[in-house]
């Protein structure tokens, strides 16, 4: 699933994204730390893995998501 970064806090390593339908989902430290990223900026396109209704993995849209 793809989304656009809405906000990101580099201290807590958590934030929120806009899905393509305009809805907002939040992600926590665990989802950010699961990927290879160091930082996100508002407006960046990202790939997400959602599990149990929560974002479990976030990375840039140019990076593959785990299987």
PDB file of N, CA and C in Angstrom:
ATOM      1  N   UNK A   1       0.847  -1.163   0.000  1.00  0.00           N
ATOM      2  CA  UNK A   1       0.000   0.000   0.000  1.00  0.00           C
ATOM      3  C   UNK A   1       0.898   1.232   0.000  1.00  0.00           C
ATOM      4  N   UNK A   2       0.505   2.261  -0.742  1.00  0.00           N
ATOM      5  CA  UNK A   2       1.268   3.491  -0.777  1.00  0.00           C
ATOM      6  C   UNK A   2       0.534   4.618  -0.069  1.00  0.00           C
ATOM      7  N   UNK A   3       1.310   5.582   0.403  1.00  0.00           N
ATOM      8  CA  UNK A   3       0.743   6.732   1.100  1.00  0.00           C
ATOM      9  C   UNK A   3       1.717   7.899   0.974  1.00  0.00           C
ATOM     10  N   UNK A   4       1.310   9.058   1.508  1.00  0.00           N
ATOM     11  CA  UNK A   4       2.132  10.256   1.530  1.00  0.00           C
ATOM     12  C   UNK A   4       2.340  10.669   2.976  1.00  0.00           C
ATOM     13  N   UNK A   5       3.572  10.989   3.330  1.00  0.00           N
ATOM     14  CA  UNK A   5       3.872  11.383   4.706  1.00  0.00           C
ATOM     15  C   UNK A   5       3.153  12.683   5.045  1.00  0.00           C
ATOM     16  N   UNK A   6       2.415  12.652   6.128  1.00  0.00           N
ATOM     17  CA  UNK A   6       1.721  13.831   6.647  1.00  0.00           C
ATOM     18  C   UNK A   6       2.587  14.529   7.674  1.00  0.00           C
ATOM     19  N   UNK A   7       3.146  13.742   8.599  1.00  0.00           N
ATOM     20  CA  UNK A   7       4.008  14.294   9.640  1.00  0.00           C
ATOM     21  C   UNK A   7       4.986  13.224  10.096  1.00  0.00           C
ATOM     22  N   UNK A   8       6.121  13.673  10.630  1.00  0.00           N
ATOM     23  CA  UNK A   8       7.105  12.762  11.184  1.00  0.00           C
ATOM     24  C   UNK A   8       7.856  13.479  12.285  1.00  0.00           C
ATOM     25  N   UNK A   9       8.005  12.814  13.440  1.00  0.00           N
ATOM     26  CA  UNK A   9       8.756  13.341  14.572  1.00  0.00           C
ATOM     27  C   UNK A   9      10.051  12.549  14.688  1.00  0.00           C
ATOM     28  N   UNK A  10      11.198  13.172  14.382  1.00  0.00           N
ATOM     29  CA  UNK A  10      12.458  12.434  14.419  1.00  0.00           C
ATOM     30  C   UNK A  10      12.880  12.003  15.829  1.00  0.00           C
ATOM     31  N   UNK A  11      12.347  12.645  16.850  1.00  0.00           N
ATOM     32  CA  UNK A  11      12.689  12.274  18.225  1.00  0.00           C
ATOM     33  C   UNK A  11      12.009  10.960  18.606  1.00  0.00           C
ATOM     34  N   UNK A  12      10.705  10.858  18.320  1.00  0.00           N
ATOM     35  CA  UNK A  12       9.966   9.638  18.665  1.00  0.00           C
ATOM     36  C   UNK A  12       9.971   8.621  17.532  1.00  0.00           C
ATOM     37  N   UNK A  13      10.411   9.058  16.325  1.00  0.00           N
ATOM     38  CA  UNK A  13      10.419   8.220  15.126  1.00  0.00           C
ATOM     39  C   UNK A  13       9.026   7.666  14.822  1.00  0.00           C
ATOM     40  N   UNK A  14       8.032   8.512  14.982  1.00  0.00           N
ATOM     41  CA  UNK A  14       6.652   8.147  14.670  1.00  0.00           C
ATOM     42  C   UNK A  14       6.021   9.288  13.881  1.00  0.00           C
ATOM     43  N   UNK A  15       4.866   9.002  13.290  1.00  0.00           N
ATOM     44  CA  UNK A  15       4.216  10.043  12.506  1.00  0.00           C
ATOM     45  C   UNK A  15       2.885   9.584  11.953  1.00  0.00           C
ATOM     46  N   UNK A  16       2.489  10.229  10.861  1.00  0.00           N
ATOM     47  CA  UNK A  16       1.221   9.885  10.235  1.00  0.00           C
ATOM     48  C   UNK A  16       1.355  10.034   8.720  1.00  0.00           C
ATOM     49  N   UNK A  17       0.457   9.370   8.012  1.00  0.00           N
ATOM     50  CA  UNK A  17       0.440   9.402   6.549  1.00  0.00           C
ATOM     51  C   UNK A  17      -0.978   9.639   6.051  1.00  0.00           C
ATOM     52  N   UNK A  18      -1.064  10.182   4.841  1.00  0.00           N
ATOM     53  CA  UNK A  18      -2.323  10.268   4.114  1.00  0.00           C
ATOM     54  C   UNK A  18      -2.380   9.089   3.163  1.00  0.00           C
ATOM     55  N   UNK A  19      -3.434   8.299   3.234  1.00  0.00           N
ATOM     56  CA  UNK A  19      -3.667   7.278   2.223  1.00  0.00           C
ATOM     57  C   UNK A  19      -4.179   7.958   0.963  1.00  0.00           C
ATOM     58  N   UNK A  20      -4.185   7.267  -0.140  1.00  0.00           N
ATOM     59  CA  UNK A  20      -4.612   7.859  -1.406  1.00  0.00           C
ATOM     60  C   UNK A  20      -6.079   8.282  -1.395  1.00  0.00           C
ATOM     61  N   UNK A  21      -6.879   7.718  -0.490  1.00  0.00           N
ATOM     62  CA  UNK A  21      -8.280   8.126  -0.389  1.00  0.00           C
ATOM     63  C   UNK A  21      -8.465   9.323   0.550  1.00  0.00           C
ATOM     64  N   UNK A  22      -7.351   9.861   1.091  1.00  0.00           N
ATOM     65  CA  UNK A  22      -7.409  11.037   1.952  1.00  0.00           C
ATOM     66  C   UNK A  22      -7.479  10.738   3.434  1.00  0.00           C
ATOM     67  N   UNK A  23      -7.681   9.482   3.793  1.00  0.00           N
ATOM     68  CA  UNK A  23      -7.742   9.151   5.218  1.00  0.00           C
ATOM     69  C   UNK A  23      -6.335   9.174   5.817  1.00  0.00           C
ATOM     70  N   UNK A  24      -6.293   9.368   7.134  1.00  0.00           N
ATOM     71  CA  UNK A  24      -5.034   9.499   7.849  1.00  0.00           C
ATOM     72  C   UNK A  24      -4.813   8.266   8.722  1.00  0.00           C
ATOM     73  N   UNK A  25      -3.594   7.721   8.658  1.00  0.00           N
ATOM     74  CA  UNK A  25      -3.194   6.632   9.546  1.00  0.00           C
ATOM     75  C   UNK A  25      -1.922   7.058  10.272  1.00  0.00           C
ATOM     76  N   UNK A  26      -1.814   6.666  11.526  1.00  0.00           N
ATOM     77  CA  UNK A  26      -0.608   6.958  12.289  1.00  0.00           C
ATOM     78  C   UNK A  26       0.276   5.722  12.346  1.00  0.00           C
ATOM     79  N   UNK A  27       1.588   5.956  12.459  1.00  0.00           N
ATOM     80  CA  UNK A  27       2.520   4.840  12.639  1.00  0.00           C
ATOM     81  C   UNK A  27       3.420   5.160  13.828  1.00  0.00           C
ATOM     82  N   UNK A  28       3.816   4.105  14.505  1.00  0.00           N
ATOM     83  CA  UNK A  28       4.650   4.251  15.681  1.00  0.00           C
ATOM     84  C   UNK A  28       6.108   3.946  15.402  1.00  0.00           C
ATOM     85  N   UNK A  29       6.889   4.036  16.442  1.00  0.00           N
ATOM     86  CA  UNK A  29       8.324   3.793  16.370  1.00  0.00           C
ATOM     87  C   UNK A  29       8.640   2.423  15.808  1.00  0.00           C
ATOM     88  N   UNK A  30       7.895   1.422  16.222  1.00  0.00           N
ATOM     89  CA  UNK A  30       8.155   0.046  15.768  1.00  0.00           C
ATOM     90  C   UNK A  30       8.051  -0.066  14.248  1.00  0.00           C
ATOM     91  N   UNK A  31       7.049   0.547  13.649  1.00  0.00           N
ATOM     92  CA  UNK A  31       6.871   0.483  12.193  1.00  0.00           C
ATOM     93  C   UNK A  31       8.003   1.211  11.471  1.00  0.00           C
ATOM     94  N   UNK A  32       8.429   2.356  11.992  1.00  0.00           N
ATOM     95  CA  UNK A  32       9.525   3.089  11.367  1.00  0.00           C
ATOM     96  C   UNK A  32      10.832   2.328  11.506  1.00  0.00           C
ATOM     97  N   UNK A  33      11.113   1.814  12.695  1.00  0.00           N
ATOM     98  CA  UNK A  33      12.367   1.094  12.943  1.00  0.00           C
ATOM     99  C   UNK A  33      12.459  -0.234  12.197  1.00  0.00           C
ATOM    100  N   UNK A  34      11.330  -0.771  11.750  1.00  0.00           N
ATOM    101  CA  UNK A  34      11.335  -2.030  10.996  1.00  0.00           C
ATOM    102  C   UNK A  34      11.955  -1.854   9.612  1.00  0.00           C
ATOM    103  N   UNK A  35      11.941  -0.629   9.096  1.00  0.00           N
ATOM    104  CA  UNK A  35      12.491  -0.361   7.778  1.00  0.00           C
ATOM    105  C   UNK A  35      13.891   0.215   7.845  1.00  0.00           C
ATOM    106  N   UNK A  36      14.458   0.537   6.675  1.00  0.00           N
ATOM    107  CA  UNK A  36      15.844   0.992   6.601  1.00  0.00           C
ATOM    108  C   UNK A  36      16.025   2.511   6.709  1.00  0.00           C
ATOM    109  N   UNK A  37      14.971   3.241   7.024  1.00  0.00           N
ATOM    110  CA  UNK A  37      15.027   4.698   6.957  1.00  0.00           C
ATOM    111  C   UNK A  37      15.636   5.348   8.195  1.00  0.00           C
ATOM    112  N   UNK A  38      16.134   6.569   7.989  1.00  0.00           N
ATOM    113  CA  UNK A  38      16.638   7.391   9.091  1.00  0.00           C
ATOM    114  C   UNK A  38      15.748   8.595   9.332  1.00  0.00           C
ATOM    115  N   UNK A  39      15.013   9.032   8.302  1.00  0.00           N
ATOM    116  CA  UNK A  39      14.251  10.272   8.362  1.00  0.00           C
ATOM    117  C   UNK A  39      13.148  10.237   7.316  1.00  0.00           C
ATOM    118  N   UNK A  40      12.067  10.924   7.600  1.00  0.00           N
ATOM    119  CA  UNK A  40      11.004  11.136   6.621  1.00  0.00           C
ATOM    120  C   UNK A  40      10.674  12.618   6.589  1.00  0.00           C
ATOM    121  N   UNK A  41      10.198  13.082   5.444  1.00  0.00           N
ATOM    122  CA  UNK A  41       9.768  14.470   5.290  1.00  0.00           C
ATOM    123  C   UNK A  41       8.322  14.497   4.809  1.00  0.00           C
ATOM    124  N   UNK A  42       7.603  15.510   5.231  1.00  0.00           N
ATOM    125  CA  UNK A  42       6.224  15.683   4.770  1.00  0.00           C
ATOM    126  C   UNK A  42       6.198  15.716   3.253  1.00  0.00           C
ATOM    127  N   UNK A  43       5.242  15.016   2.672  1.00  0.00           N
ATOM    128  CA  UNK A  43       5.085  14.971   1.221  1.00  0.00           C
ATOM    129  C   UNK A  43       5.778  13.810   0.542  1.00  0.00           C
ATOM    130  N   UNK A  44       6.647  13.094   1.258  1.00  0.00           N
ATOM    131  CA  UNK A  44       7.309  11.937   0.640  1.00  0.00           C
ATOM    132  C   UNK A  44       6.317  10.802   0.436  1.00  0.00           C
ATOM    133  N   UNK A  45       6.498  10.086  -0.668  1.00  0.00           N
ATOM    134  CA  UNK A  45       5.694   8.891  -0.921  1.00  0.00           C
ATOM    135  C   UNK A  45       6.355   7.715  -0.226  1.00  0.00           C
ATOM    136  N   UNK A  46       5.545   6.892   0.421  1.00  0.00           N
ATOM    137  CA  UNK A  46       6.058   5.740   1.147  1.00  0.00           C
ATOM    138  C   UNK A  46       5.250   4.494   0.827  1.00  0.00           C
ATOM    139  N   UNK A  47       5.875   3.358   1.026  1.00  0.00           N
ATOM    140  CA  UNK A  47       5.203   2.059   0.980  1.00  0.00           C
ATOM    141  C   UNK A  47       4.942   1.628   2.411  1.00  0.00           C
ATOM    142  N   UNK A  48       3.794   1.026   2.629  1.00  0.00           N
ATOM    143  CA  UNK A  48       3.395   0.573   3.958  1.00  0.00           C
ATOM    144  C   UNK A  48       3.038  -0.903   3.936  1.00  0.00           C
ATOM    145  N   UNK A  49       3.256  -1.550   5.058  1.00  0.00           N
ATOM    146  CA  UNK A  49       2.687  -2.868   5.308  1.00  0.00           C
ATOM    147  C   UNK A  49       1.759  -2.690   6.491  1.00  0.00           C
ATOM    148  N   UNK A  50       0.500  -3.058   6.300  1.00  0.00           N
ATOM    149  CA  UNK A  50      -0.491  -2.932   7.361  1.00  0.00           C
ATOM    150  C   UNK A  50      -0.831  -4.323   7.858  1.00  0.00           C
ATOM    151  N   UNK A  51      -0.808  -4.493   9.169  1.00  0.00           N
ATOM    152  CA  UNK A  51      -1.116  -5.775   9.791  1.00  0.00           C
ATOM    153  C   UNK A  51      -2.010  -5.534  10.997  1.00  0.00           C
ATOM    154  N   UNK A  52      -3.135  -6.206  11.030  1.00  0.00           N
ATOM    155  CA  UNK A  52      -4.051  -6.038  12.151  1.00  0.00           C
ATOM    156  C   UNK A  52      -4.599  -4.631  12.263  1.00  0.00           C
ATOM    157  N   UNK A  53      -4.739  -3.932  11.140  1.00  0.00           N
ATOM    158  CA  UNK A  53      -5.279  -2.580  11.145  1.00  0.00           C
ATOM    159  C   UNK A  53      -4.278  -1.504  11.522  1.00  0.00           C
ATOM    160  N   UNK A  54      -3.012  -1.883  11.746  1.00  0.00           N
ATOM    161  CA  UNK A  54      -1.973  -0.921  12.095  1.00  0.00           C
ATOM    162  C   UNK A  54      -0.825  -0.992  11.103  1.00  0.00           C
ATOM    163  N   UNK A  55      -0.146   0.124  10.918  1.00  0.00           N
ATOM    164  CA  UNK A  55       1.034   0.138  10.059  1.00  0.00           C
ATOM    165  C   UNK A  55       2.142  -0.612  10.781  1.00  0.00           C
ATOM    166  N   UNK A  56       2.678  -1.634  10.125  1.00  0.00           N
ATOM    167  CA  UNK A  56       3.726  -2.455  10.721  1.00  0.00           C
ATOM    168  C   UNK A  56       5.097  -2.167  10.121  1.00  0.00           C
ATOM    169  N   UNK A  57       5.128  -1.506   8.963  1.00  0.00           N
ATOM    170  CA  UNK A  57       6.395  -1.273   8.257  1.00  0.00           C
ATOM    171  C   UNK A  57       6.206  -0.072   7.354  1.00  0.00           C
ATOM    172  N   UNK A  58       7.162   0.818   7.366  1.00  0.00           N
ATOM    173  CA  UNK A  58       7.114   1.987   6.481  1.00  0.00           C
ATOM    174  C   UNK A  58       8.493   2.185   5.845  1.00  0.00           C
ATOM    175  N   UNK A  59       8.491   2.439   4.534  1.00  0.00           N
ATOM    176  CA  UNK A  59       9.733   2.699   3.818  1.00  0.00           C
ATOM    177  C   UNK A  59       9.426   3.588   2.615  1.00  0.00           C
ATOM    178  N   UNK A  60      10.433   4.099   1.965  1.00  0.00           N
ATOM    179  CA  UNK A  60      10.218   4.929   0.790  1.00  0.00           C
ATOM    180  C   UNK A  60       9.596   4.107  -0.335  1.00  0.00           C
ATOM    181  N   UNK A  61       8.875   4.785  -1.200  1.00  0.00           N
ATOM    182  CA  UNK A  61       8.176   4.082  -2.279  1.00  0.00           C
ATOM    183  C   UNK A  61       9.135   3.425  -3.258  1.00  0.00           C
ATOM    184  N   UNK A  62      10.391   3.847  -3.261  1.00  0.00           N
ATOM    185  CA  UNK A  62      11.376   3.250  -4.164  1.00  0.00           C
ATOM    186  C   UNK A  62      12.025   2.008  -3.584  1.00  0.00           C
ATOM    187  N   UNK A  63      11.772   1.697  -2.310  1.00  0.00           N
ATOM    188  CA  UNK A  63      12.334   0.527  -1.659  1.00  0.00           C
ATOM    189  C   UNK A  63      11.293  -0.581  -1.608  1.00  0.00           C
ATOM    190  N   UNK A  64      11.710  -1.817  -1.725  1.00  0.00           N
ATOM    191  CA  UNK A  64      10.748  -2.936  -1.625  1.00  0.00           C
ATOM    192  C   UNK A  64      10.298  -3.138  -0.181  1.00  0.00           C
ATOM    193  N   UNK A  65       9.096  -3.673  -0.044  1.00  0.00           N
ATOM    194  CA  UNK A  65       8.608  -4.053   1.286  1.00  0.00           C
ATOM    195  C   UNK A  65       8.906  -5.524   1.497  1.00  0.00           C
ATOM    196  N   UNK A  66       9.028  -5.954   2.751  1.00  0.00           N
ATOM    197  CA  UNK A  66       9.319  -7.372   2.994  1.00  0.00           C
ATOM    198  C   UNK A  66       8.136  -8.254   2.584  1.00  0.00           C
ATOM    199  N   UNK A  67       8.433  -9.468   2.211  1.00  0.00           N
ATOM    200  CA  UNK A  67       7.375 -10.408   1.809  1.00  0.00           C
ATOM    201  C   UNK A  67       6.610 -10.922   2.996  1.00  0.00           C
TER     202      UNK A  67
END
